[in-house]
Amino acid sequence: MIFEAVLFDLDGTLIDTLEDICNAVNRVLSKKSFPTHATSTYRKFVGDGARTLIERALPKEHRNDKNIDACLKEYVEDYSRNYNIKTKLYFGIANLLDRLKAKGVKLAILSNKPNAMTKICVDVFLSKWDFDVVFGERDSVPRKPNPQGAIEIAKKMSIPPSNFLYLGDMATDMKTAVSAGMFPVGVLWGFRSSKELKENGACAIIDQPLAVLDLLQGLSVNPWSVI
């Protein structure tokens, strides 16, 4: 199959946000005298929305609604001021997006980052490229891995889900793609492992962005091969 569109995850797929997220959460934890975490630990915390991020970062004995709500509010305020200190495009993403636009491939983004912050990050880091639809987490739509957001994007773009290649870096993305009827592609430059991607439905795994171009042309690959 030759795909008409690519649906991207944002954090861990298009932009490397890990340090800025880590630093913002750690500042909040430190202010409240909770232990902080190494940047690498946040690879396991991110991906399922800001509230879940805060819950995972708090000590187990302090994971109550009062603490989560208070820390979440401060995190959102801190991150909104400091989201662009270390964040950058992953190497090769700009080239990939240039090539996709030159081929006339439609582009969209679906993230579990809050919707307003998702749109800000796209405006700041990805303004050179036109994305047909950009959605973050919205109160009215269940977050990934629920497929509702992905299916809504397909409808808005008038493209069948089966004609989408879905690019993401974690189980949440692979599950979303499978449930939405899209072709799930796991990326190894993001936050999670090849093992996680394989176990959650990846039909291909890639270790550099331009490999997407081969997949778009219907290249037959072993489901667990790295290209």
Protein backbone atom coordinates (compact mmCIF):
# COMPACT_ATOMS: atom_id res chain seq x y z
CA MET A 1 0.00 0.00 0.00
CA ILE A 2 1.15 3.54 -0.73
CA PHE A 3 0.13 5.78 2.17
CA GLU A 4 -1.48 9.20 1.68
CA ALA A 5 -0.75 10.71 5.09
CA VAL A 6 1.51 10.48 8.13
CA LEU A 7 0.14 11.00 11.63
CA PHE A 8 2.90 11.89 14.08
CA ASP A 9 3.17 11.74 17.81
CA LEU A 10 4.91 14.91 19.05
CA ASP A 11 7.16 14.41 22.13
CA GLY A 12 9.73 11.70 21.51
CA THR A 13 8.92 11.54 17.81
CA LEU A 14 9.23 15.00 16.25
CA ILE A 15 10.75 17.00 19.11
CA ASP A 16 13.00 16.05 22.02
CA THR A 17 11.29 17.60 25.02
CA LEU A 18 12.62 15.34 27.76
CA GLU A 19 15.04 17.75 29.48
CA ASP A 20 12.59 20.62 29.66
CA ILE A 21 9.85 18.35 31.02
CA CYS A 22 12.24 16.82 33.53
CA ASN A 23 13.51 20.17 34.74
CA ALA A 24 10.04 21.65 35.10
CA VAL A 25 8.72 18.71 37.12
CA ASN A 26 11.86 18.56 39.25
CA ARG A 27 11.59 22.24 40.12
CA VAL A 28 8.04 21.66 41.34
CA LEU A 29 9.01 18.57 43.33
CA SER A 30 11.97 20.33 44.89
CA LYS A 31 9.85 23.32 45.96
CA LYS A 32 7.54 20.93 47.78
CA SER A 33 10.41 18.94 49.33
CA PHE A 34 9.73 15.79 47.31
CA PRO A 35 12.62 13.82 45.80
CA THR A 36 13.56 14.63 42.20
CA HIS A 37 14.49 12.23 39.38
CA ALA A 38 17.20 11.81 36.77
CA THR A 39 16.34 12.88 33.22
CA SER A 40 16.47 9.26 32.03
CA THR A 41 13.80 8.28 34.56
CA TYR A 42 11.34 10.63 32.87
CA ARG A 43 11.41 8.39 29.79
CA LYS A 44 9.14 6.08 31.80
CA PHE A 45 6.97 8.90 33.19
CA VAL A 46 5.97 10.74 30.00
CA GLY A 47 3.47 9.82 27.32
CA ASP A 48 0.13 9.50 29.08
CA GLY A 49 -0.76 13.11 29.78
CA ALA A 50 0.45 15.75 32.23
CA ARG A 51 -1.59 14.51 35.20
CA THR A 52 -0.21 10.99 34.88
CA LEU A 53 3.29 12.44 34.54
CA ILE A 54 2.92 14.21 37.88
CA GLU A 55 1.38 11.16 39.54
CA ARG A 56 4.30 8.99 38.45
CA ALA A 57 6.87 11.56 39.59
CA LEU A 58 5.43 11.86 43.10
CA PRO A 59 6.44 9.37 45.81
CA LYS A 60 3.85 6.60 46.07
CA GLU A 61 2.82 7.59 49.57
CA HIS A 62 2.04 11.13 48.40
CA ARG A 63 0.01 10.31 45.28
CA ASN A 64 -3.29 11.80 46.39
CA ASP A 65 -5.55 14.18 44.51
CA LYS A 66 -4.52 17.18 46.62
CA ASN A 67 -0.81 16.76 45.87
CA ILE A 68 -1.36 15.83 42.24
CA ASP A 69 -3.62 18.82 41.62
CA ALA A 70 -1.24 21.26 43.30
CA CYS A 71 1.86 19.94 41.55
CA LEU A 72 0.10 19.74 38.21
CA LYS A 73 -0.95 23.40 38.41
CA GLU A 74 2.60 24.49 39.21
CA TYR A 75 4.09 22.22 36.55
CA VAL A 76 1.84 23.64 33.82
CA GLU A 77 2.80 27.18 34.85
CA ASP A 78 6.52 26.37 35.00
CA TYR A 79 6.62 24.38 31.77
CA SER A 80 4.71 27.07 29.88
CA ARG A 81 7.56 29.47 30.73
CA ASN A 82 10.42 27.03 30.13
CA TYR A 83 9.30 24.63 27.40
CA ASN A 84 11.87 25.87 24.87
CA ILE A 85 15.15 25.92 26.82
CA LYS A 86 16.53 22.55 25.68
CA THR A 87 13.80 21.29 23.35
CA LYS A 88 14.75 20.76 19.71
CA LEU A 89 13.82 18.79 16.62
CA TYR A 90 15.32 15.33 16.44
CA PHE A 91 18.14 15.00 13.93
CA GLY A 92 16.75 14.22 10.47
CA ILE A 93 13.17 15.35 11.18
CA ALA A 94 13.47 18.61 9.22
CA ASN A 95 14.77 16.72 6.20
CA LEU A 96 11.99 14.16 6.48
CA LEU A 97 9.27 16.81 6.68
CA ASP A 98 10.75 18.65 3.70
CA ARG A 99 10.73 15.44 1.67
CA LEU A 100 7.19 14.52 2.69
CA LYS A 101 5.83 17.94 1.76
CA ALA A 102 7.65 17.78 -1.58
CA LYS A 103 5.89 14.49 -2.27
CA GLY A 104 2.50 15.94 -1.39
CA VAL A 105 2.02 13.70 1.65
CA LYS A 106 -0.50 15.05 4.15
CA LEU A 107 0.73 15.56 7.73
CA ALA A 108 -0.99 15.60 11.12
CA ILE A 109 -0.05 15.48 14.81
CA LEU A 110 -1.78 13.76 17.74
CA SER A 111 -0.27 14.23 21.22
CA ASN A 112 -1.17 13.56 24.83
CA LYS A 113 0.42 16.90 25.71
CA PRO A 114 -2.27 19.46 26.69
CA ASN A 115 -3.83 20.86 23.53
CA ALA A 116 -2.80 24.49 24.04
CA MET A 117 0.82 23.53 24.75
CA THR A 118 0.86 21.15 21.78
CA LYS A 119 -0.14 23.98 19.46
CA ILE A 120 2.46 26.32 20.96
CA CYS A 121 5.23 23.75 20.44
CA VAL A 122 4.13 23.17 16.86
CA ASP A 123 4.08 26.92 16.20
CA VAL A 124 7.55 27.38 17.71
CA PHE A 125 9.41 24.29 16.50
CA LEU A 126 7.49 23.17 13.40
CA SER A 127 6.10 26.35 11.85
CA LYS A 128 8.02 25.77 8.61
CA TRP A 129 5.71 22.89 7.70
CA ASP A 130 1.93 22.80 7.24
CA PHE A 131 0.11 20.19 9.30
CA ASP A 132 -3.49 19.59 8.28
CA VAL A 133 -4.60 18.84 11.84
CA VAL A 134 -2.84 19.30 15.20
CA PHE A 135 -4.49 17.90 18.33
CA GLY A 136 -3.20 17.62 21.87
CA GLU A 137 -5.10 16.29 24.86
CA ARG A 138 -8.59 17.80 24.99
CA ASP A 139 -11.21 17.46 27.72
CA SER A 140 -13.82 16.33 25.21
CA VAL A 141 -11.79 13.45 23.73
CA PRO A 142 -10.19 10.49 25.54
CA ARG A 143 -6.41 10.63 25.31
CA LYS A 144 -4.31 8.04 23.52
CA PRO A 145 -4.33 5.02 23.39
CA ASN A 146 -8.04 5.57 22.83
CA PRO A 147 -8.27 5.86 19.02
CA GLN A 148 -10.98 8.54 18.96
CA GLY A 149 -8.56 11.41 18.30
CA ALA A 150 -6.81 9.55 15.49
CA ILE A 151 -10.11 8.61 13.86
CA GLU A 152 -11.31 12.22 14.15
CA ILE A 153 -8.16 13.37 12.35
CA ALA A 154 -8.74 10.87 9.53
CA LYS A 155 -12.31 12.14 9.11
CA LYS A 156 -11.22 15.78 9.08
CA MET A 157 -8.65 15.01 6.39
CA SER A 158 -11.08 12.83 4.40
CA ILE A 159 -8.53 10.02 4.26
CA PRO A 160 -9.33 6.45 5.36
CA PRO A 161 -7.44 5.40 8.52
CA SER A 162 -5.90 2.50 6.58
CA ASN A 163 -4.11 5.05 4.38
CA PHE A 164 -2.30 6.61 7.35
CA LEU A 165 1.17 5.71 8.50
CA TYR A 166 1.30 6.40 12.25
CA LEU A 167 4.71 7.34 13.70
CA GLY A 168 5.33 7.17 17.44
CA ASP A 169 7.85 6.19 20.08
CA MET A 170 5.94 4.26 22.73
CA ALA A 171 3.28 1.66 23.49
CA THR A 172 0.59 4.34 23.71
CA ASP A 173 1.17 5.24 20.06
CA MET A 174 1.30 1.68 18.76
CA LYS A 175 -1.95 0.81 20.56
CA THR A 176 -3.61 3.95 19.18
CA ALA A 177 -2.56 3.15 15.63
CA VAL A 178 -3.72 -0.47 15.85
CA SER A 179 -7.09 0.49 17.33
CA ALA A 180 -7.61 3.24 14.73
CA GLY A 181 -6.78 0.93 11.82
CA MET A 182 -3.59 2.82 10.89
CA PHE A 183 -0.14 1.40 10.07
CA PRO A 184 1.93 1.59 13.30
CA VAL A 185 5.60 2.51 12.97
CA GLY A 186 7.80 2.67 16.06
CA VAL A 187 10.78 5.02 16.24
CA LEU A 188 13.93 4.24 18.20
CA TRP A 189 15.18 7.81 18.72
CA GLY A 190 12.43 8.59 21.23
CA PHE A 191 11.67 7.68 24.83
CA ARG A 192 10.98 3.93 24.83
CA SER A 193 12.50 0.63 23.73
CA SER A 194 12.23 -1.58 20.67
CA LYS A 195 10.83 -4.30 22.94
CA GLU A 196 7.94 -2.08 24.06
CA LEU A 197 7.16 -1.11 20.47
CA LYS A 198 7.21 -4.72 19.27
CA GLU A 199 4.98 -5.94 22.09
CA ASN A 200 2.34 -3.31 21.39
CA GLY A 201 1.75 -3.74 17.69
CA ALA A 202 4.50 -2.01 15.70
CA CYS A 203 4.41 -3.22 12.09
CA ALA A 204 7.81 -1.63 11.44
CA ILE A 205 10.54 -0.13 13.59
CA ILE A 206 12.88 2.56 12.28
CA ASP A 207 16.05 4.06 13.67
CA GLN A 208 16.32 7.13 11.44
CA PRO A 209 13.60 9.44 10.08
CA LEU A 210 14.22 9.07 6.34
CA ALA A 211 13.30 5.38 6.60
CA VAL A 212 9.71 6.65 6.56
CA LEU A 213 10.12 7.32 2.84
CA ASP A 214 10.69 3.63 2.12
CA LEU A 215 7.62 2.67 4.10
CA LEU A 216 5.48 5.20 2.26
CA GLN A 217 6.29 3.48 -1.01
CA GLY A 218 4.95 0.20 0.31
CA LEU A 219 8.33 -1.41 1.01
CA SER A 220 7.73 -4.87 2.42
CA VAL A 221 9.51 -5.25 5.77
CA ASN A 222 9.75 -7.86 8.46
CA PRO A 223 7.40 -6.57 11.21
CA TRP A 224 10.25 -6.43 13.70
CA SER A 225 13.10 -5.43 11.43
CA VAL A 226 14.81 -2.09 11.97
CA ILE A 227 15.20 0.07 8.89
